[in-house]
Protein backbone atom coordinates (compact mmCIF):
# COMPACT_ATOMS: atom_id res chain seq x y z
CA MET A 1 -78.99 17.99 30.73
CA ASN A 2 -76.75 15.55 28.96
CA THR A 3 -72.96 15.94 29.27
CA LEU A 4 -70.98 15.33 26.13
CA THR A 5 -67.78 13.36 26.56
CA PRO A 6 -65.07 14.36 24.06
CA ILE A 7 -63.68 11.55 21.96
CA THR A 8 -59.91 11.54 21.57
CA ASP A 9 -58.69 11.03 18.00
CA ARG A 10 -55.96 8.42 18.37
CA LYS A 11 -54.61 9.30 14.93
CA GLN A 12 -53.46 12.66 16.29
CA ALA A 13 -51.76 11.21 19.36
CA GLY A 14 -47.94 11.61 19.52
CA PHE A 15 -45.33 8.94 20.16
CA THR A 16 -45.03 7.73 23.69
CA LEU A 17 -41.69 7.89 25.49
CA VAL A 18 -41.38 4.14 25.13
CA GLU A 19 -41.91 4.32 21.38
CA LEU A 20 -39.37 7.13 21.05
CA ALA A 21 -36.88 5.15 23.10
CA VAL A 22 -37.32 2.13 20.83
CA VAL A 23 -36.78 4.29 17.73
CA MET A 24 -33.62 5.83 19.22
CA ILE A 25 -32.28 2.38 20.08
CA ILE A 26 -32.88 1.18 16.52
CA ILE A 27 -31.16 4.27 15.07
CA GLY A 28 -28.22 3.75 17.43
CA LEU A 29 -27.91 0.14 16.40
CA LEU A 30 -27.96 1.08 12.72
CA ILE A 31 -25.27 3.76 13.18
CA GLY A 32 -23.19 1.40 15.29
CA GLY A 33 -23.52 -1.29 12.65
CA VAL A 34 -22.38 1.07 9.90
CA LEU A 35 -19.38 2.27 11.92
CA LYS A 36 -18.46 -1.29 12.85
CA GLY A 37 -18.72 -2.31 9.22
CA GLN A 38 -16.42 0.53 8.19
CA GLU A 39 -13.91 -0.52 10.84
CA LEU A 40 -14.02 -4.12 9.62
CA ILE A 41 -13.41 -2.99 6.04
CA ALA A 42 -10.49 -0.76 7.09
CA ASN A 43 -8.93 -3.60 9.09
CA ALA A 44 -9.39 -6.01 6.18
CA GLN A 45 -7.58 -3.58 3.87
CA ILE A 46 -4.65 -3.35 6.29
CA VAL A 47 -4.43 -7.14 6.59
CA ALA A 48 -4.70 -7.61 2.81
CA THR A 49 -2.00 -5.00 2.13
CA ALA A 50 0.35 -6.62 4.63
CA SER A 51 -0.32 -9.96 2.92
CA ALA A 52 0.44 -8.38 -0.47
CA VAL A 53 3.83 -7.18 0.81
CA LYS A 54 4.62 -10.64 2.14
CA GLY A 55 3.47 -12.12 -1.17
CA ILE A 56 5.85 -9.90 -3.15
CA ASP A 57 8.68 -10.88 -0.82
CA ALA A 58 7.89 -14.59 -1.17
CA ALA A 59 7.56 -14.31 -4.96
CA THR A 60 10.94 -12.57 -5.15
CA THR A 61 12.56 -15.32 -3.10
CA THR A 62 11.08 -17.99 -5.36
CA PHE A 63 12.25 -16.12 -8.47
CA ARG A 64 15.79 -15.86 -7.12
CA ASP A 65 15.87 -19.51 -6.12
CA THR A 66 14.51 -20.62 -9.51
CA PHE A 67 16.48 -18.39 -11.88
CA ALA A 68 19.49 -17.35 -9.77
CA ALA A 69 18.68 -13.75 -10.62
CA MET A 70 16.82 -10.83 -9.11
CA PRO A 71 13.58 -9.95 -10.94
CA GLY A 72 14.18 -6.84 -13.01
CA ASP A 73 17.94 -7.49 -12.96
CA MET A 74 17.91 -10.65 -15.13
CA ARG A 75 20.23 -10.24 -18.13
CA ASN A 76 18.49 -12.63 -20.53
CA ALA A 77 14.88 -12.42 -19.39
CA ASN A 78 13.72 -12.52 -23.02
CA THR A 79 14.99 -16.10 -23.43
CA ARG A 80 14.25 -17.41 -19.93
CA LEU A 81 10.75 -16.08 -19.32
CA SER A 82 7.69 -16.55 -21.51
CA ASN A 83 6.00 -13.40 -22.83
CA CYS A 84 9.01 -11.30 -21.86
CA THR A 85 10.54 -10.28 -25.17
CA ALA A 86 9.79 -6.55 -25.07
CA THR A 87 9.74 -3.62 -22.68
CA PRO A 88 8.88 -3.21 -19.91
CA CYS A 89 9.48 -6.89 -19.09
CA PHE A 90 12.73 -7.02 -21.05
CA THR A 91 15.03 -4.04 -21.49
CA PRO A 92 18.32 -4.14 -23.45
CA VAL A 93 21.25 -4.93 -21.17
CA THR A 94 22.89 -2.07 -19.29
CA ALA A 95 25.99 -2.05 -17.12
CA SER A 96 24.03 -2.65 -13.92
CA TYR A 97 22.23 -5.79 -15.08
CA GLY A 98 23.20 -9.00 -13.34
CA ASN A 99 24.57 -7.43 -10.15
CA GLY A 100 21.74 -8.81 -8.01
CA ARG A 101 20.20 -5.40 -7.35
CA VAL A 102 17.24 -3.51 -8.81
CA ASP A 103 19.20 -0.29 -8.93
CA SER A 104 18.66 1.51 -12.22
CA VAL A 105 17.18 4.35 -10.15
CA LYS A 106 16.64 4.96 -6.44
CA ILE A 107 13.46 4.11 -4.56
CA LEU A 108 12.20 7.72 -4.44
CA VAL A 109 12.69 8.33 -8.18
CA ALA A 110 10.31 7.45 -11.01
CA PRO A 111 10.92 3.78 -11.99
CA ALA A 112 13.09 3.05 -15.03
CA ASN A 113 14.78 0.05 -16.68
CA GLU A 114 15.29 -2.59 -13.95
CA ASN A 115 12.78 -0.99 -11.61
CA LEU A 116 10.22 -0.90 -14.39
CA SER A 117 10.89 -4.58 -15.24
CA PHE A 118 10.71 -5.86 -11.65
CA PHE A 119 6.99 -6.63 -11.40
CA PRO A 120 6.46 -7.62 -15.07
CA GLN A 121 9.20 -10.27 -14.69
CA LEU A 122 7.58 -11.65 -11.54
CA ALA A 123 4.30 -11.80 -13.46
CA ALA A 124 5.96 -13.44 -16.48
CA ALA A 125 7.25 -16.15 -14.12
CA ASP A 126 3.66 -16.66 -12.87
CA LEU A 127 4.66 -15.65 -9.35
CA ILE A 128 2.31 -12.68 -8.90
CA SER A 129 -1.01 -11.61 -10.37
CA GLY A 130 -2.51 -8.18 -10.94
CA VAL A 131 0.24 -7.03 -13.32
CA ASN A 132 -0.30 -6.81 -17.09
CA ALA A 133 2.79 -5.23 -18.63
CA VAL A 134 2.10 -2.39 -21.04
CA THR A 135 4.65 -0.44 -23.10
CA GLY A 136 4.77 3.33 -22.88
CA ALA A 137 2.87 5.79 -20.75
CA ALA A 138 -0.14 3.49 -20.53
CA GLY A 139 1.97 1.20 -18.36
CA ASN A 140 2.12 3.82 -15.63
CA ALA A 141 -1.01 2.52 -13.96
CA TRP A 142 -1.82 0.20 -11.09
CA GLY A 143 -2.61 -3.18 -12.57
CA ALA A 144 -0.41 -2.48 -15.60
CA ASN A 145 3.32 -2.41 -14.78
CA PHE A 146 2.78 -2.03 -11.03
CA PRO A 147 0.58 -3.99 -8.61
CA GLU A 148 -2.22 -2.22 -6.80
CA ALA A 149 -2.35 -2.26 -3.00
CA PRO A 150 -5.64 -3.34 -1.37
CA ILE A 151 -5.62 -0.22 0.81
CA GLY A 152 -5.16 2.07 -2.20
CA GLY A 153 -2.24 3.16 -4.33
CA GLY A 154 0.34 0.55 -5.22
CA PHE A 155 3.97 -0.53 -5.09
CA HIS A 156 7.30 0.45 -6.64
CA ALA A 157 10.52 -1.47 -5.92
CA ALA A 158 14.19 -0.46 -5.88
CA TYR A 159 17.53 -0.97 -4.17
CA HIS A 160 18.81 1.49 -1.55
CA ALA A 161 22.57 1.63 -1.00
CA GLY A 162 22.25 2.79 2.62
CA GLY A 163 22.07 6.09 4.43
CA ALA A 164 19.25 8.59 4.81
CA LEU A 165 15.88 7.42 3.51
CA GLY A 166 12.51 8.92 4.33
CA VAL A 167 12.46 9.96 8.00
CA VAL A 168 15.53 7.81 8.75
CA PRO A 169 18.55 10.17 8.99
CA ALA A 170 22.01 9.53 7.55
CA ALA A 171 23.11 8.24 10.94
CA PRO A 172 22.37 5.47 11.62
CA GLY A 173 20.70 5.43 8.20
CA ALA A 174 18.50 2.86 6.54
CA ARG A 175 20.20 -0.47 5.89
CA PRO A 176 21.27 -1.27 2.34
CA GLY A 177 18.78 -3.49 0.59
CA HIS A 178 15.62 -3.64 -1.48
CA TYR A 179 12.60 -1.56 -0.55
CA LEU A 180 9.00 -1.21 -1.65
CA LEU A 181 7.42 2.22 -1.83
CA LEU A 182 3.68 2.37 -1.17
CA ASN A 183 2.85 5.23 -3.51
CA ASN A 184 -0.31 6.71 -4.99
CA ASN A 185 1.18 7.89 -8.27
CA PRO A 186 2.02 4.93 -10.55
CA GLY A 187 5.29 5.17 -12.41
CA ALA A 188 6.23 8.50 -10.85
CA ALA A 189 8.25 9.81 -7.93
CA PRO A 190 6.26 10.32 -4.72
CA SER A 191 4.96 13.74 -3.83
CA GLY A 192 2.96 15.08 -0.91
CA SER A 193 -0.18 15.29 -3.03
CA THR A 194 0.00 11.59 -3.88
CA ALA A 195 0.44 10.06 -0.42
CA PRO A 196 -1.93 7.07 -0.19
CA LEU A 197 -2.24 6.60 3.58
CA SER A 198 -3.46 8.47 6.62
CA ALA A 199 -1.12 8.49 9.61
CA LEU A 200 -3.44 6.01 11.33
CA GLU A 201 -3.37 3.62 8.36
CA ALA A 202 0.42 3.93 8.11
CA ALA A 203 0.79 3.16 11.82
CA ARG A 204 -1.49 0.13 11.65
CA LEU A 205 0.36 -1.24 8.63
CA ASP A 206 3.70 -0.65 10.37
CA ARG A 207 2.47 -2.58 13.41
CA LYS A 208 1.26 -5.40 11.18
CA LEU A 209 4.58 -5.72 9.33
CA ASP A 210 7.14 -4.35 11.79
CA ASP A 211 7.54 -2.63 15.16
CA GLY A 212 5.07 0.26 14.88
CA ASN A 213 7.89 2.77 15.35
CA SER A 214 7.95 5.40 12.62
CA ARG A 215 11.73 5.79 12.64
CA THR A 216 13.14 2.31 13.21
CA GLY A 217 12.86 -1.18 11.82
CA THR A 218 11.93 -2.18 8.28
CA VAL A 219 8.85 0.02 7.77
CA PHE A 220 8.88 3.81 8.03
CA PRO A 221 7.25 6.83 6.39
CA LEU A 222 8.69 9.19 3.82
CA GLU A 223 7.25 12.41 5.25
CA SER A 224 8.56 14.08 8.41
CA ALA A 225 4.97 15.02 9.30
CA CYS A 226 4.30 11.30 9.76
CA ASN A 227 7.03 11.01 12.39
CA VAL A 228 6.53 12.71 15.76
CA ALA A 229 9.06 11.54 18.35
CA SER A 230 9.34 8.19 16.50
CA LEU A 231 5.56 7.75 16.52
CA TYR A 232 2.87 8.26 13.90
CA PRO A 233 0.46 11.15 14.66
CA GLU A 234 -2.51 8.79 14.44
CA SER A 235 -5.10 11.32 15.62
CA ASN A 236 -4.15 13.84 12.92
CA THR A 237 -6.50 13.04 10.06
CA GLY A 238 -4.90 15.71 7.87
CA VAL A 239 -1.53 13.96 7.64
CA SER A 240 -0.85 11.84 4.56
CA CYS A 241 1.98 9.32 4.39
CA HIS A 242 3.95 7.23 1.93
CA LEU A 243 5.42 4.07 3.44
CA ILE A 244 8.85 2.62 2.67
CA ILE A 245 9.01 -1.12 3.34
CA ARG A 246 12.15 -3.23 3.32
CA PHE A 247 11.87 -6.71 1.79
CA GLN A 248 14.35 -9.50 1.08
CA ASN A 249 15.92 -8.84 4.50
């Protein structure tokens, strides 16, 4: 009597443990690569935004050295700068023009007059790019009258006379001087729904530009939720922050 030997169909065989291990390793490497890539992009945005702040500061210094005037505060910008004969680059003279401060309105108020002319005048002097001045409501856009920030949102500029500002209380208060507001609502006052940064992003940008302390130095948040015992709540992904950044120290 002949004994039949069953033939195993290799096509129906499952993966071996070795093969499964190899697949899991490949999947892990792919996930790790994606996460690492996201981290590299996030870090690049922080670095680029810090560089943009420093670029605005340097451009302002050059403007002041060249024209003996603060951008936005220049009395006769229409005759001293090319392509600056109409609003928002040039606004008819008001009492505050020529005092060396961009102080038509405060930093936490929608830009107007000098504040609205600040970036267009820097652009008219060929000191910054990414600003194409537009009259009217259409100018309230990043890339129009206000420069966009690499991390998202963009910048407003204004003078602060001293005292309470953002999370900094009246005593000791924020030093008098010019400040940038990293906002997410172009041409408008900041609001909680328009905060451009997470607490982690705000903290990393603060460390790049200043001391990393949310209540001291030249960089600090607007919202109290972004300040916990003088630190940013970096693990709280639900917190959104505006940053206030002093320049022209």
